[in-house]
Protein backbone atom coordinates (compact mmCIF):
# COMPACT_ATOMS: atom_id res chain seq x y z
CA MET A 1 116.08 83.85 99.86
CA THR A 2 117.67 81.19 97.63
CA GLN A 3 119.89 82.21 94.74
CA LYS A 4 117.28 81.06 92.22
CA VAL A 5 114.57 83.27 93.72
CA THR A 6 117.01 86.18 93.97
CA ARG A 7 117.83 85.70 90.30
CA ILE A 8 114.23 85.90 89.09
CA ASN A 9 113.77 88.99 91.25
CA GLN A 10 116.73 90.61 89.48
CA ILE A 11 115.32 89.67 86.08
CA ALA A 12 111.94 91.15 87.05
CA LYS A 13 113.63 94.41 88.07
CA GLU A 14 115.56 94.66 84.81
CA ASN A 15 112.66 93.84 82.48
CA ASP A 16 109.12 94.92 83.39
CA LYS A 17 107.65 92.92 80.49
CA VAL A 18 109.32 89.59 81.18
CA ILE A 19 107.12 86.49 81.43
CA PHE A 20 108.30 83.55 83.51
CA THR A 21 107.50 80.17 81.98
CA SER A 22 109.50 77.75 84.15
CA ILE A 23 109.74 78.53 87.87
CA TYR A 24 107.85 75.69 89.59
CA HIS A 25 111.07 73.71 90.01
CA MET A 26 112.31 76.42 92.39
CA ILE A 27 110.07 75.00 95.10
CA ASP A 28 112.73 72.46 96.05
CA ASN A 29 114.30 71.07 99.22
CA GLU A 30 116.44 74.15 99.74
CA LEU A 31 113.61 76.65 99.49
CA LEU A 32 111.19 74.57 101.54
CA ARG A 33 113.74 74.05 104.32
CA GLU A 34 114.43 77.78 104.32
CA CYS A 35 110.70 78.42 104.70
CA PHE A 36 110.47 75.86 107.50
CA ASP A 37 113.23 77.65 109.41
CA GLU A 38 111.54 81.04 109.00
CA LEU A 39 108.12 79.95 110.28
CA LYS A 40 107.49 80.56 113.95
CA GLY A 41 106.66 77.59 116.11
CA ASN A 42 104.26 79.35 118.50
CA LYS A 43 101.51 80.05 115.99
CA ALA A 44 98.06 78.45 115.98
CA VAL A 45 97.86 74.98 114.43
CA GLY A 46 95.64 73.83 111.58
CA ILE A 47 93.06 71.05 111.54
CA ASP A 48 95.74 68.34 111.76
CA GLU A 49 97.12 70.00 114.95
CA VAL A 50 100.72 69.35 113.85
CA THR A 51 103.20 71.83 115.37
CA LYS A 52 106.58 72.94 114.06
CA ASP A 53 108.35 70.82 116.69
CA GLU A 54 106.41 67.71 115.64
CA TYR A 55 107.15 68.35 111.96
CA PHE A 56 110.84 68.82 112.80
CA ARG A 57 111.17 65.33 114.34
CA ASN A 58 111.29 63.83 110.83
CA ILE A 59 112.23 66.99 108.97
CA THR A 60 114.38 65.43 106.25
CA GLN A 61 111.83 62.72 105.46
CA ASN A 62 108.94 65.20 105.64
CA ILE A 63 110.56 67.70 103.26
CA ASP A 64 111.63 64.98 100.82
CA ASP A 65 108.09 63.59 100.80
CA LEU A 66 106.65 67.07 100.29
CA VAL A 67 108.99 67.76 97.35
CA ASP A 68 108.05 64.43 95.80
CA ARG A 69 104.33 65.18 96.08
CA LEU A 70 104.86 68.61 94.56
CA LYS A 71 106.86 67.18 91.64
CA THR A 72 104.30 64.43 90.91
CA LYS A 73 101.37 66.87 91.33
CA LYS A 74 99.99 64.80 94.21
CA TYR A 75 100.24 67.63 96.72
CA ARG A 76 96.84 68.86 97.91
CA PRO A 77 96.58 71.60 100.55
CA MET A 78 94.23 70.71 103.37
CA PRO A 79 91.29 72.95 104.33
CA SER A 80 92.19 75.68 106.82
CA ARG A 81 90.71 75.93 110.29
CA ARG A 82 88.43 78.94 110.63
CA VAL A 83 88.67 81.03 113.79
CA TYR A 84 86.93 84.27 114.68
CA ILE A 85 88.34 87.37 116.36
CA PRO A 86 86.27 90.40 117.42
CA LYS A 87 86.42 93.65 115.45
CA SER A 88 86.07 97.16 116.87
CA ASN A 89 82.54 97.49 115.42
CA GLY A 90 81.32 94.45 117.36
CA LYS A 91 81.44 92.13 114.35
CA LEU A 92 83.76 89.16 113.94
CA ARG A 93 86.69 88.82 111.56
CA ASN A 94 87.30 85.28 110.32
CA LEU A 95 90.83 83.96 109.92
CA ALA A 96 91.97 80.82 108.13
CA ILE A 97 94.65 78.80 109.95
CA ALA A 98 96.42 76.41 107.59
CA ASN A 99 98.22 73.19 108.50
CA PHE A 100 101.93 73.68 109.20
CA GLU A 101 103.04 71.84 106.06
CA ASP A 102 100.73 73.98 103.94
CA LYS A 103 102.25 77.07 105.56
CA ILE A 104 105.67 75.94 104.32
CA VAL A 105 104.45 75.67 100.72
CA GLN A 106 102.53 78.94 101.00
CA LEU A 107 105.65 80.75 102.17
CA ALA A 108 107.67 79.31 99.27
CA LEU A 109 104.98 80.41 96.82
CA LYS A 110 104.85 83.84 98.46
CA LYS A 111 108.61 84.30 98.00
CA ILE A 112 108.40 83.47 94.29
CA LEU A 113 105.39 85.72 93.66
CA GLU A 114 107.00 88.60 95.55
CA ALA A 115 110.23 88.21 93.59
CA ILE A 116 108.28 88.60 90.35
CA PHE A 117 105.67 91.23 91.24
CA GLU A 118 107.27 93.45 93.90
CA PRO A 119 109.38 95.35 91.32
CA ARG A 120 106.17 96.25 89.48
CA PHE A 121 104.24 97.68 92.41
CA SER A 122 103.83 101.44 92.71
CA ASN A 123 105.85 103.42 95.26
CA ASN A 124 102.47 104.57 96.60
CA MET A 125 101.62 101.04 97.81
CA TYR A 126 102.67 100.51 101.41
CA GLY A 127 100.85 97.53 102.95
CA PHE A 128 102.66 94.21 103.57
CA ARG A 129 105.88 95.36 101.90
CA LYS A 130 109.46 95.24 103.10
CA ASN A 131 111.04 98.40 104.48
CA VAL A 132 107.86 100.47 104.20
CA GLY A 133 104.81 100.70 106.43
CA CYS A 134 101.93 102.79 107.63
CA HIS A 135 104.14 105.71 108.74
CA ASP A 136 105.60 105.90 105.23
CA ALA A 137 102.05 106.03 103.85
CA LEU A 138 101.22 108.87 106.26
CA ALA A 139 104.37 110.69 105.17
CA GLN A 140 103.21 110.38 101.55
CA VAL A 141 99.80 111.79 102.49
CA THR A 142 101.51 114.73 104.19
CA TYR A 143 103.75 115.38 101.20
CA ASP A 144 100.94 115.18 98.65
CA ILE A 145 98.75 117.57 100.63
CA GLU A 146 101.34 120.07 101.91
CA TRP A 147 103.76 120.23 98.97
CA ASN A 148 101.45 119.52 96.04
CA TYR A 149 98.19 121.07 94.87
CA THR A 150 95.73 118.90 96.75
CA SER A 151 92.39 120.64 97.32
CA TYR A 152 90.10 117.60 97.50
CA VAL A 153 90.44 114.18 99.07
CA VAL A 154 88.45 111.08 98.19
CA GLU A 155 88.29 108.83 101.25
CA ALA A 156 87.35 105.38 99.99
CA ASP A 157 86.63 101.99 101.50
CA ILE A 158 86.21 98.75 99.54
CA LYS A 159 83.50 96.50 100.96
CA GLY A 160 85.02 93.18 102.05
CA PHE A 161 88.03 93.45 99.74
CA PHE A 162 89.77 90.23 100.81
CA ASP A 163 86.51 88.27 100.73
CA ASN A 164 85.43 89.40 97.26
CA ILE A 165 88.52 89.04 95.10
CA ASN A 166 87.45 87.33 91.90
CA HIS A 167 89.55 84.19 91.40
CA ASP A 168 89.39 84.24 87.60
CA ASN A 169 90.41 87.90 87.48
CA LEU A 170 93.21 87.23 89.94
CA MET A 171 94.55 84.41 87.77
CA LYS A 172 94.52 86.76 84.75
CA CYS A 173 96.63 89.21 86.75
CA LEU A 174 99.14 86.46 87.55
CA GLU A 175 99.24 85.31 83.94
CA LEU A 176 100.52 88.73 82.87
CA HIS A 177 103.97 87.64 84.07
CA ILE A 178 103.65 83.94 84.88
CA ARG A 179 102.95 81.27 82.24
CA ASP A 180 104.17 78.34 84.30
CA THR A 181 101.01 76.21 84.48
CA ASN A 182 102.19 74.37 87.57
CA ILE A 183 102.58 77.58 89.59
CA LEU A 184 99.15 78.78 88.49
CA ILE A 185 97.58 75.44 89.41
CA LEU A 186 99.23 75.62 92.84
CA VAL A 187 97.73 79.07 93.42
CA ARG A 188 94.33 77.71 92.39
CA LYS A 189 94.69 74.83 94.83
CA PHE A 190 95.20 77.23 97.72
CA LEU A 191 92.30 79.43 96.63
CA LYS A 192 90.00 76.39 96.47
CA ALA A 193 91.35 74.53 99.53
CA GLY A 194 88.40 75.76 101.60
CA VAL A 195 87.95 76.00 105.36
CA MET A 196 86.58 73.84 108.15
CA ASP A 197 84.19 75.68 110.45
CA LYS A 198 82.63 73.79 113.37
CA GLY A 199 83.03 70.48 111.57
CA ARG A 200 81.61 71.66 108.25
CA PHE A 201 83.59 72.18 105.03
CA TYR A 202 83.19 75.39 103.04
CA VAL A 203 84.79 76.42 99.78
CA SER A 204 84.41 79.87 98.25
CA GLU A 205 84.44 80.99 94.65
CA TYR A 206 85.72 84.40 95.75
CA GLY A 207 88.28 85.89 98.10
CA THR A 208 91.66 85.09 99.57
CA PRO A 209 91.48 83.70 103.11
CA GLN A 210 92.71 86.20 105.70
CA GLY A 211 95.37 84.63 107.87
CA SER A 212 96.87 82.74 104.94
CA ILE A 213 100.58 83.42 104.34
CA VAL A 214 100.12 83.75 100.58
CA SER A 215 96.98 85.92 100.86
CA PRO A 216 98.71 89.35 101.26
CA ILE A 217 100.77 89.06 98.07
CA LEU A 218 97.77 87.83 96.08
CA ALA A 219 95.70 90.72 97.42
CA LYS A 220 98.45 93.22 96.55
CA ILE A 221 98.65 91.88 92.99
CA TYR A 222 94.89 92.21 92.62
CA MET A 223 94.83 95.71 94.13
CA TYR A 224 97.64 96.83 91.84
CA TYR A 225 96.14 95.68 88.56
CA CYS A 226 92.54 96.40 89.53
CA LEU A 227 93.07 99.89 90.93
CA ILE A 228 96.57 101.33 91.40
CA LYS A 229 98.01 100.75 87.92
CA TRP A 230 94.73 101.77 86.34
CA PHE A 231 94.74 105.04 88.28
CA GLU A 232 98.35 105.88 87.46
CA LYS A 233 98.34 104.78 83.81
CA TYR A 234 94.83 105.64 82.62
CA VAL A 235 93.31 108.17 85.04
CA LYS A 236 96.13 110.56 85.93
CA PRO A 237 97.35 111.24 82.37
CA LYS A 238 93.87 112.46 81.38
CA LEU A 239 93.57 114.96 84.24
CA ARG A 240 94.61 118.57 83.90
CA GLY A 241 95.53 118.95 87.59
CA PHE A 242 97.50 117.15 90.28
CA ALA A 243 96.26 113.75 91.47
CA SER A 244 97.67 110.91 93.55
CA ILE A 245 96.63 107.67 95.19
CA ILE A 246 98.04 106.31 98.46
CA ASN A 247 97.30 102.67 99.25
CA TYR A 248 97.84 100.55 102.35
CA ALA A 249 96.50 96.97 102.07
CA ASP A 250 92.78 97.42 101.29
CA ASP A 251 92.66 101.09 102.37
CA PHE A 252 93.37 104.00 100.05
CA ILE A 253 92.78 107.70 99.59
CA CYS A 254 93.04 109.85 96.47
CA CYS A 255 94.12 113.49 96.29
CA PHE A 256 92.96 115.90 93.56
CA GLN A 257 93.59 119.49 92.62
CA TYR A 258 90.27 120.21 90.92
CA LYS A 259 86.77 119.60 92.22
CA ASP A 260 85.23 118.44 88.94
CA GLU A 261 87.94 115.82 88.44
CA ALA A 262 87.59 114.59 92.02
CA GLU A 263 83.81 114.34 91.64
CA TYR A 264 84.03 112.52 88.31
CA PHE A 265 86.48 110.01 89.75
CA TYR A 266 84.45 109.54 92.93
CA LYS A 267 81.02 109.24 91.32
CA GLU A 268 81.76 107.67 87.94
CA LEU A 269 85.22 106.23 87.34
CA LEU A 270 85.93 104.52 90.66
CA PRO A 271 82.60 102.64 91.08
CA LYS A 272 82.72 101.40 87.48
CA ARG A 273 86.32 100.26 87.76
CA LEU A 274 85.72 98.36 90.99
CA LYS A 275 82.60 96.75 89.53
CA ARG A 276 84.71 95.38 86.67
CA GLY A 277 86.93 93.77 89.30
CA GLY A 278 83.98 92.29 91.18
CA LEU A 279 84.32 94.84 93.99
CA GLU A 280 82.19 97.67 95.34
CA LEU A 281 82.57 100.66 97.59
CA ALA A 282 81.26 100.77 101.13
CA THR A 283 79.16 103.86 100.47
CA GLU A 284 78.79 104.77 104.13
CA LYS A 285 82.59 105.00 104.45
CA THR A 286 83.34 106.64 101.11
CA ARG A 287 83.13 110.38 100.46
CA MET A 288 84.80 113.38 98.85
CA ILE A 289 85.80 116.40 100.94
CA ALA A 290 87.49 119.73 100.33
CA PHE A 291 90.86 119.51 102.06
CA GLY A 292 94.23 121.24 101.73
CA ARG A 293 95.96 124.58 101.93
CA PHE A 294 93.74 126.15 99.25
CA THR A 295 90.46 124.93 100.73
CA ILE A 296 89.48 127.86 102.94
CA LYS A 297 90.63 130.44 100.39
CA ASN A 298 89.09 128.91 97.26
CA THR A 299 86.00 127.04 98.45
CA LYS A 300 84.77 129.21 101.33
CA VAL A 301 83.71 126.13 103.27
CA GLY A 302 84.77 127.53 106.61
CA LYS A 303 86.50 124.94 108.75
CA PRO A 304 87.45 122.02 106.45
CA LYS A 305 86.14 118.56 107.23
CA THR A 306 88.45 115.80 108.44
CA PHE A 307 89.15 112.34 107.09
CA ASP A 308 90.38 109.11 108.68
CA PHE A 309 93.20 106.98 107.29
CA LEU A 310 95.19 104.21 109.00
CA GLY A 311 93.76 104.89 112.44
CA PHE A 312 94.38 108.65 112.38
CA THR A 313 92.03 111.60 111.89
CA HIS A 314 93.62 114.11 109.50
CA TYR A 315 92.73 117.78 109.84
CA CYS A 316 93.82 121.13 108.41
CA SER A 317 95.88 123.32 110.72
CA LYS A 318 98.86 125.67 110.82
CA SER A 319 102.40 125.56 112.12
CA LYS A 320 103.74 127.97 114.75
CA ASN A 321 104.87 130.35 112.01
CA GLY A 322 101.44 130.35 110.37
CA LYS A 323 102.11 128.00 107.45
CA PHE A 324 99.56 125.39 106.42
CA ARG A 325 99.96 121.95 108.01
CA VAL A 326 98.05 118.71 107.75
CA LYS A 327 97.98 117.33 111.28
CA ARG A 328 96.63 114.12 112.69
CA LYS A 329 95.42 112.58 115.90
CA THR A 330 94.33 109.09 116.90
CA SER A 331 90.85 108.57 115.44
CA GLY A 332 88.03 108.36 117.97
CA ASN A 333 87.04 104.84 116.93
CA LYS A 334 90.60 103.54 117.15
CA PHE A 335 91.21 105.29 120.50
CA ASN A 336 88.09 103.80 122.06
CA LYS A 337 88.79 100.35 120.59
CA LYS A 338 92.28 100.29 122.11
CA LEU A 339 90.95 101.30 125.52
CA VAL A 340 88.23 98.63 125.39
CA GLU A 341 90.84 96.02 124.49
CA PHE A 342 93.11 97.18 127.32
CA ASN A 343 90.22 97.13 129.79
CA MET A 344 89.26 93.58 128.78
CA TRP A 345 92.85 92.39 129.07
CA CYS A 346 93.21 93.89 132.57
CA LYS A 347 89.91 92.35 133.65
CA GLU A 348 90.74 88.88 132.35
CA ASN A 349 94.33 88.83 133.62
CA ARG A 350 94.06 90.69 136.93
CA THR A 351 94.89 87.52 138.90
CA MET A 352 98.26 87.09 137.18
CA PRO A 353 101.40 87.74 139.25
CA ILE A 354 101.89 91.49 139.53
CA GLU A 355 105.26 91.30 137.76
CA ASP A 356 103.68 89.64 134.71
CA ILE A 357 100.86 92.19 134.64
CA MET A 358 103.19 95.19 134.76
CA ASN A 359 105.58 93.78 132.15
CA ASN A 360 102.65 93.18 129.79
CA VAL A 361 101.32 96.69 130.40
CA LYS A 362 104.76 98.05 129.60
CA ARG A 363 104.86 96.18 126.30
CA LYS A 364 101.34 97.29 125.39
CA LEU A 365 102.13 100.96 126.00
CA ILE A 366 105.40 100.79 124.06
CA GLY A 367 103.52 99.17 121.16
CA HIS A 368 100.91 101.94 121.28
CA TYR A 369 103.58 104.67 121.27
CA ASN A 370 105.48 103.00 118.43
CA TYR A 371 102.41 103.25 116.17
CA PHE A 372 100.50 106.28 117.41
CA GLY A 373 103.45 108.27 118.74
CA ILE A 374 103.92 110.44 115.66
CA THR A 375 104.24 114.13 114.88
CA ASP A 376 101.32 116.21 116.28
CA ASN A 377 99.75 113.28 118.16
CA TYR A 378 101.44 113.69 121.54
CA HIS A 379 98.25 114.92 123.24
CA ALA A 380 96.29 111.81 122.15
CA ILE A 381 98.90 109.33 123.37
CA CYS A 382 99.11 111.22 126.69
CA LYS A 383 95.36 110.86 127.02
CA PHE A 384 95.63 107.15 126.24
CA TYR A 385 98.38 106.77 128.84
CA TYR A 386 96.37 108.36 131.66
CA ARG A 387 93.16 106.54 130.74
CA SER A 388 95.07 103.25 130.66
CA LEU A 389 96.54 103.89 134.10
CA GLN A 390 93.06 104.59 135.46
CA ILE A 391 91.87 101.25 134.08
CA LEU A 392 94.92 99.44 135.45
CA PHE A 393 94.47 101.03 138.88
CA LYS A 394 90.82 99.94 138.95
CA TRP A 395 91.51 96.30 138.11
CA LEU A 396 94.55 95.97 140.36
CA ASN A 397 92.30 96.96 143.23
CA ARG A 398 89.87 94.19 142.30
CA ARG A 399 92.43 91.41 142.52
CA SER A 400 91.47 90.68 146.11
CA GLN A 401 89.08 91.92 148.78
CA ARG A 402 91.87 91.92 151.32
CA TYR A 403 94.27 94.39 149.74
CA SER A 404 94.05 97.48 147.56
CA TYR A 405 96.67 99.85 146.22
CA THR A 406 96.62 103.46 147.33
CA LYS A 407 97.44 106.10 144.73
CA GLU A 408 100.90 106.54 146.24
CA GLU A 409 101.56 102.80 146.17
CA PHE A 410 100.36 102.64 142.58
CA LYS A 411 102.76 105.43 141.57
CA LYS A 412 105.64 103.54 143.17
CA LEU A 413 104.60 100.43 141.26
CA LEU A 414 104.81 102.36 137.97
CA VAL A 415 108.33 103.51 138.85
CA GLN A 416 109.40 100.05 140.03
CA TYR A 417 108.46 98.42 136.72
CA ASP A 418 109.61 101.37 134.61
CA ILE A 419 106.22 101.95 132.95
CA PRO A 420 107.03 104.31 130.05
CA LYS A 421 105.46 107.73 129.78
CA PRO A 422 104.25 108.93 126.36
CA TYR A 423 106.83 109.83 123.75
CA VAL A 424 106.86 110.65 120.04
CA LYS A 425 108.48 107.76 118.20
CA VAL A 426 108.17 108.87 114.57
CA ASN A 427 108.83 112.28 113.00
CA ILE A 428 106.71 112.34 109.85
CA TYR A 429 108.88 115.02 108.23
CA ASN A 430 112.02 112.95 108.72
CA LYS A 431 110.10 110.14 107.00
CA ILE A 432 109.34 112.43 104.08
CA ASP A 433 113.01 113.40 103.71
CA SER A 434 114.08 109.75 103.88
CA ASN A 435 111.49 108.58 101.36
CA LEU A 436 112.38 111.34 98.90
CA ARG A 437 116.05 110.38 99.08
CA ASN A 438 115.24 106.69 98.55
CA ASN A 439 112.92 107.38 95.61
């Protein structure tokens, strides 16, 4: 990060009411070259099909020309290339792939916006932020349920959050701390750049294109002012009991001490607030449940219901010494999705050299353990490990009609390529201790 960007970040930390009126000039040769160096060269290309290596051939001239177009307001981002990737529910998620030069400018803009707005975000926001992630969000959920007075959980889902962000409302959020017209115009240009899909141009009046470098910070800003700040500044102070909100990207849950306050928030406050922001709840994925250490005693609901958050099913349980615990396991949908993806990969790549197959399998399992290998979830990752090996064994024996692996030969293969057995990567309670010290 350049010294200028670092400086405005420091100012933003020291004064939460500061308004920046002249920051466009920071998008200069130094910052753009820094962004060029940070961008990976193996990513998908935009509609102009220019790669990082091709852009580098005339890097000095290209950056100078880009700076000149930015200064003279002649810079116009090109439409992104739309691609589709399958989702676990059988639907398709669309991504917008920008041209490489536009990625450079987007990254520069992202750095400036983050420098200004990151110090304002709540500690309960975890998505797309440095030094915090999904495991920190899960640690916060554990803390709020086990150590506070949570008795009810509102599990909420915003319908098409990224696709329905209101551009005018988003600009108003930015204008709270940015009055540099040139920066605001640049943001507008990216929002209106549009996409090319099968040779046709589309531009949307709503949403931030997923896949765009600048999209996550814009979405975080919108989420903060539309929901998180509102909850913490206007909802919580009016409640008589404990309440909290934990947010990761477009997912969030809310914890409440009292049933009437949880119901009022769930049925009245939340839908109205989202409607003001041009958003709405996915009703089939949104609900309120009794959950927490007081649930069985106070509500007489029998076995409490479960809720899903960040790929894990959360359920009420007890520790070995009989104390209340909120535990979690890989959610059924996520577990099945990962197995389907693994099965498809094995099927499509079964003719690869055996060394390449086994090294890829190793990486896939390590990646699975790194995310899902958390406190109380050992049984689920063991199940995933054995199911994955069954799939691998099946497809290895369909590589050729002439040769098949016996079970003994397959076991030796696993040892030869050091295929890792399940392990717990993250201790949620260590995360809680670390987060409490940092906060």
